[in-house]
Protein backbone atom coordinates (compact mmCIF):
# COMPACT_ATOMS: atom_id res chain seq x y z
CA MET A 1 3.57 -7.88 -0.95
CA LEU A 2 3.72 -7.21 2.76
CA ALA A 3 4.97 -9.20 5.10
CA PRO A 4 2.66 -12.16 5.65
CA LYS A 5 2.81 -12.46 9.48
CA TRP A 6 3.01 -9.57 12.25
CA ARG A 7 1.64 -9.02 15.84
CA LEU A 8 0.86 -5.33 16.01
CA ASN A 9 -0.05 -3.76 19.17
CA ARG A 10 -2.17 -0.20 18.86
CA SER A 11 -0.98 1.92 21.30
CA GLU A 12 -3.06 5.31 22.66
CA LYS A 13 -2.19 8.76 21.68
CA ALA A 14 -1.13 10.43 24.60
CA SER A 15 -3.08 13.40 23.29
CA GLY A 16 -6.05 11.23 22.42
CA SER A 17 -5.61 8.36 24.38
CA ALA A 18 -9.64 8.22 25.07
CA LEU A 19 -10.28 8.09 21.68
CA ARG A 20 -8.41 4.68 21.47
CA GLU A 21 -9.91 1.24 22.50
CA ASN A 22 -7.49 -1.51 24.64
CA LYS A 23 -4.71 -2.76 23.08
CA TRP A 24 -5.25 -5.40 20.33
CA ASP A 25 -3.02 -7.95 18.87
CA GLN A 26 -4.04 -9.11 15.81
CA THR A 27 -2.05 -11.79 13.26
CA THR A 28 -2.55 -10.75 9.78
CA PRO A 29 -3.59 -13.42 7.10
CA THR A 30 -1.03 -14.71 5.09
CA ARG A 31 -1.42 -14.88 1.27
CA PRO A 32 -0.80 -17.36 -1.16
CA GLY A 33 3.06 -17.65 -2.45
CA PRO A 34 4.29 -18.15 -6.07
CA ALA A 35 4.53 -22.08 -5.23
CA LEU A 36 0.76 -21.97 -4.23
CA VAL A 37 0.07 -19.95 -7.15
CA GLY A 38 2.06 -22.48 -9.63
CA ILE A 39 0.13 -25.32 -8.39
CA PHE A 40 -3.35 -23.86 -8.67
CA ALA A 41 -2.60 -22.61 -12.28
CA SER A 42 -1.21 -25.77 -13.29
CA LEU A 43 -4.21 -28.07 -12.23
CA PRO A 44 -6.30 -26.86 -15.45
CA VAL A 45 -3.40 -27.23 -17.94
CA ALA A 46 -2.91 -31.19 -16.27
CA VAL A 47 -7.30 -31.60 -16.73
CA LEU A 48 -7.02 -30.69 -20.21
CA SER A 49 -3.99 -31.75 -21.32
CA LEU A 50 -5.06 -35.27 -19.93
CA VAL A 51 -8.53 -35.06 -21.61
CA GLY A 52 -7.05 -34.51 -24.77
CA LEU A 53 -4.21 -36.89 -24.72
CA LEU A 54 -6.95 -39.84 -24.19
CA VAL A 55 -9.57 -38.36 -26.76
CA ALA A 56 -6.09 -39.02 -28.86
CA GLY A 57 -6.01 -42.48 -28.33
CA LEU A 58 -3.07 -41.92 -26.49
CA PRO A 59 -2.38 -45.27 -23.88
CA LEU A 60 -3.56 -44.43 -20.15
CA GLY A 61 0.24 -44.48 -18.58
CA TRP A 62 1.79 -42.39 -21.32
CA SER A 63 -1.17 -39.96 -20.83
CA LEU A 64 -0.67 -39.70 -17.14
CA LEU A 65 3.35 -39.32 -17.60
CA ILE A 66 3.17 -36.52 -19.90
CA THR A 67 0.22 -34.68 -17.98
CA ILE A 68 2.46 -35.08 -15.01
CA GLY A 69 5.42 -33.37 -17.57
CA LEU A 70 3.11 -30.69 -18.71
CA GLN A 71 1.33 -29.47 -14.88
CA TYR A 72 5.45 -29.45 -13.29
CA ALA A 73 6.37 -27.15 -16.54
CA THR A 74 3.27 -24.77 -16.22
CA ALA A 75 4.08 -24.57 -12.53
CA ALA A 76 7.68 -23.87 -12.50
CA ILE A 77 6.74 -21.23 -15.47
CA VAL A 78 4.18 -19.23 -13.12
CA ILE A 79 6.22 -19.66 -10.21
CA GLY A 80 9.38 -18.37 -12.24
CA VAL A 81 7.25 -15.29 -13.71
CA CYS A 82 5.66 -14.71 -10.27
CA SER A 83 9.06 -14.79 -8.48
CA LYS A 84 10.53 -12.23 -11.05
CA ARG A 85 7.75 -9.93 -10.79
CA ALA A 86 8.44 -9.84 -7.01
CA LYS A 87 11.70 -9.27 -7.18
CA ASP A 88 11.61 -6.39 -9.49
CA ARG A 89 9.09 -4.44 -7.44
CA ARG A 90 11.40 -4.54 -4.58
CA HIS A 91 14.48 -3.98 -6.68
CA PRO A 92 13.54 -2.28 -10.23
CA ALA A 93 17.45 -1.37 -10.92
CA GLY A 94 18.34 -4.89 -10.39
CA PRO A 95 19.27 -7.39 -8.06
CA GLY A 96 21.16 -6.02 -5.07
CA THR A 97 19.95 -2.29 -5.60
CA SER A 98 18.82 -0.85 -2.04
CA PRO A 99 16.87 2.36 -2.03
CA VAL A 100 18.50 5.70 -2.30
CA SER A 101 17.75 8.31 0.29
CA ILE A 102 18.09 11.42 -0.57
CA LYS A 103 17.47 15.25 1.06
CA ALA A 104 14.40 16.31 -0.66
CA THR A 105 16.11 19.84 0.07
CA ALA A 106 19.27 19.39 -2.04
CA ALA A 107 18.08 19.73 -5.67
CA ASP A 108 21.18 18.56 -7.62
CA LEU A 109 20.61 15.08 -5.98
CA ARG A 110 18.65 13.02 -8.21
CA ALA A 111 17.80 9.69 -7.99
CA PRO A 112 17.61 7.23 -11.61
CA LEU A 113 14.12 6.72 -12.15
CA GLU A 114 14.06 3.10 -11.83
CA ALA A 115 15.64 3.54 -8.26
CA HIS A 116 13.41 3.26 -5.21
CA VAL A 117 13.61 7.05 -2.97
CA TRP A 118 12.88 8.09 0.59
CA GLN A 119 12.72 11.35 0.33
CA HIS A 120 12.19 13.94 3.43
CA TYR A 121 10.61 17.50 3.22
CA ALA A 122 10.91 18.75 6.35
CA ALA A 123 7.53 21.22 7.20
CA ILE A 124 8.16 24.49 6.20
CA PRO A 125 8.82 27.10 8.06
CA GLY A 126 10.43 24.63 10.36
CA SER A 127 7.63 24.56 12.70
CA GLU A 128 8.10 22.32 15.58
CA PRO A 129 6.41 19.99 15.78
CA PRO A 130 5.14 19.43 12.67
CA ARG A 131 1.05 20.07 12.20
CA HIS A 132 1.22 16.69 10.48
CA ARG A 133 3.54 13.76 9.66
CA ILE A 134 2.31 12.38 6.17
CA ALA A 135 3.47 9.14 4.86
CA PHE A 136 3.60 9.30 1.08
CA ALA A 137 4.03 6.68 -1.20
CA ALA A 138 4.39 7.59 -4.91
CA PRO A 139 6.75 7.49 -8.17
CA ASN A 140 9.83 9.30 -7.97
CA ALA A 141 8.61 11.84 -10.26
CA GLU A 142 8.09 16.04 -10.74
CA HIS A 143 4.51 15.61 -10.03
CA SER A 144 5.24 13.99 -6.73
CA ARG A 145 7.67 16.16 -5.42
CA THR A 146 5.66 18.79 -6.08
CA ILE A 147 2.88 17.38 -4.19
CA ALA A 148 5.35 16.87 -1.21
CA LYS A 149 6.63 20.39 -1.46
CA ASP A 150 3.13 21.98 -1.26
CA LEU A 151 2.24 19.44 2.00
CA SER A 152 5.65 20.80 3.56
CA GLU A 153 4.55 24.75 2.82
CA ILE A 154 1.58 24.14 5.15
CA GLY A 155 3.43 22.88 8.04
CA ALA A 156 3.91 18.93 7.49
CA GLU A 157 6.43 16.70 7.54
CA THR A 158 6.11 14.48 4.65
CA HIS A 159 8.21 11.29 3.71
CA LEU A 160 8.21 10.96 -0.16
CA VAL A 161 8.79 6.77 -0.66
CA SER A 162 8.61 5.06 -4.16
CA ASP A 163 7.91 1.61 -2.65
CA ILE A 164 4.70 1.49 -1.35
CA GLU A 165 5.85 -2.06 0.36
CA ALA A 166 8.26 -0.48 2.49
CA LEU A 167 6.28 2.92 3.16
CA LEU A 168 3.48 0.34 4.81
CA GLU A 169 5.67 -2.01 6.57
CA THR A 170 7.07 1.51 8.26
CA VAL A 171 3.47 3.15 8.94
CA LEU A 172 2.39 -0.51 10.25
CA ASN A 173 5.01 -1.11 12.70
CA ALA A 174 4.21 2.75 14.64
CA PRO A 175 1.16 3.63 13.17
CA ASP A 176 0.65 6.24 16.14
CA ALA A 177 3.76 8.26 14.40
CA TRP A 178 1.67 8.93 11.26
CA ASP A 179 -1.14 10.98 10.71
CA PHE A 180 -2.25 10.08 7.23
CA VAL A 181 -1.06 8.08 4.49
CA ILE A 182 -1.26 9.58 0.74
CA THR A 183 -0.99 6.84 -1.69
CA ASP A 184 -0.90 7.62 -5.50
CA LEU A 185 -1.86 4.08 -7.11
CA ASP A 186 0.69 4.30 -10.04
CA VAL A 187 3.13 3.70 -7.66
CA THR A 188 3.97 0.45 -8.49
CA GLY A 189 3.13 0.62 -12.30
CA ASP A 190 0.40 -1.38 -11.59
CA SER A 191 -2.49 0.01 -9.74
CA TRP A 192 -4.03 -3.15 -8.74
CA ILE A 193 -0.70 -4.14 -6.93
CA ALA A 194 -1.16 -0.59 -5.23
CA VAL A 195 -5.14 -1.25 -4.81
CA ASP A 196 -4.04 -5.01 -3.03
CA GLU A 197 -1.68 -3.63 -0.76
CA MET A 198 -4.19 -0.74 0.22
CA MET A 199 -6.64 -3.47 0.99
CA TYR A 200 -3.99 -5.27 3.24
CA PHE A 201 -3.10 -2.13 5.27
CA ARG A 202 -6.79 -0.98 5.87
CA LYS A 203 -7.76 -4.48 7.42
CA ILE A 204 -4.70 -4.59 9.62
CA CYS A 205 -4.14 -0.39 10.18
CA PRO A 206 -8.15 1.09 9.90
CA GLN A 207 -7.25 4.04 11.99
CA VAL A 208 -4.87 5.68 9.77
CA PRO A 209 -6.79 8.18 7.37
CA VAL A 210 -5.61 7.42 3.83
CA LEU A 211 -6.15 9.68 0.72
CA LEU A 212 -5.78 8.35 -2.54
CA LEU A 213 -4.16 9.69 -5.98
CA THR A 214 -5.26 8.14 -9.62
CA SER A 215 -5.90 8.86 -12.88
CA LYS A 216 -8.40 5.94 -13.31
CA VAL A 217 -11.34 8.24 -12.24
CA SER A 218 -13.28 10.90 -14.14
CA ARG A 219 -13.58 13.16 -10.91
CA ASP A 220 -12.83 13.40 -6.99
CA ASP A 221 -14.53 11.30 -4.69
CA PHE A 222 -14.73 12.39 -1.26
CA SER A 223 -17.39 9.63 -0.41
CA THR A 224 -16.85 6.46 1.41
CA ILE A 225 -17.28 4.76 -1.35
CA LYS A 226 -13.83 3.36 -1.75
CA CYS A 227 -13.20 2.83 1.88
CA ALA A 228 -12.07 -0.64 1.93
CA ILE A 229 -8.50 1.23 0.49
CA GLY A 230 -9.22 4.80 1.49
CA ASP A 231 -11.06 7.57 2.51
CA VAL A 232 -10.61 10.51 -0.20
CA THR A 233 -9.47 10.07 -4.01
CA LEU A 234 -8.49 12.83 -6.13
CA ARG A 235 -7.64 12.41 -10.00
CA LYS A 236 -4.47 12.83 -11.26
CA PRO A 237 -2.94 15.43 -12.11
CA VAL A 238 -3.61 17.26 -8.52
CA HIS A 239 -2.96 20.80 -7.98
CA HIS A 240 -2.54 22.92 -4.88
CA ARG A 241 -6.40 23.68 -4.61
CA ARG A 242 -7.61 20.57 -4.99
CA LEU A 243 -4.79 18.56 -2.30
CA MET A 244 -5.58 21.58 -0.06
CA GLU A 245 -9.47 20.71 -0.32
CA GLY A 246 -9.01 16.96 -0.25
CA LEU A 247 -6.72 17.19 2.76
CA LYS A 248 -9.94 19.66 4.34
CA VAL A 249 -12.12 16.67 3.80
CA LEU A 250 -9.89 14.11 5.27
CA ILE A 251 -9.23 16.34 8.59
CA ASP A 252 -13.12 17.00 9.05
CA ASP A 253 -14.01 13.30 8.57
CA THR A 254 -10.93 12.18 11.06
CA VAL A 255 -12.57 14.81 13.65
CA THR A 256 -15.83 13.63 12.84
CA ARG A 257 -14.98 9.95 13.93
CA GLU A 258 -12.54 10.55 16.97
CA GLN A 259 -15.66 13.15 17.76
CA ILE A 260 -18.25 10.38 17.49
CA ASN A 261 -15.64 7.25 19.49
CA LEU A 262 -15.13 10.12 22.28
CA SER A 263 -18.67 10.34 22.97
CA ARG A 264 -18.93 5.75 22.64
CA ASP A 265 -16.45 5.67 25.02
CA ARG A 266 -17.91 8.26 27.31
CA ASP A 267 -21.32 6.21 26.97
CA ARG A 268 -19.67 3.04 27.47
CA ARG A 269 -18.06 4.57 30.86
CA PHE A 270 -21.21 6.31 32.00
CA ASP A 271 -23.37 2.52 31.47
CA SER A 272 -20.49 0.60 33.26
């Protein structure tokens, strides 16, 4: 998961400082670690074991001793499983594997599917500066690369990252450097992990628009029903036309929010 404690300063964009409130600091909430999860998971085992042993007629002393042993064993197993799962998410190709950085234009360079990749797709036709800067969390797959290429062709500088944690950390460290975040909820292999990461991200960085890709919905969703994790949801597989429609909705919604914020900011200045 994301590092539990940051102190983030939200700076004002030079091109729209009026759209931002004063700088603020926020300390993110801590998440329960594997040890705490192990303790909570072992409590029901301890209670059931103690009751069962006493009902079976075992003396209280022996029952307590066996119960404590079972509780320790359960906690150790849960902690081990949680720790291994976290390690596998960070190093799917094995301990010590570092992210593979690949130039997206080098078609002959392909990282193993189990390796983390960080691919940079420059805006085409090389617009300076690019129209948008997009952080794209998605599996290392052809469908993801096709979407990244489509984005680059409309003038967006796109960073395709298969490690959602690394991508969100990068955006959180400099939120004003990014225009959008696009997240494929299948990026971790478990969509609930990605949902958890996005909820955590949105609490800290609600000002960055988010477009979600998922195969778990029956149709595209341009409403705000999933606003806790994103602004627009597109059903996979996503083709060029629907991708452009989703981006247009996202951009229009962002402009509307900025206009509302600007109006409120002006009203506050007039009132003062």
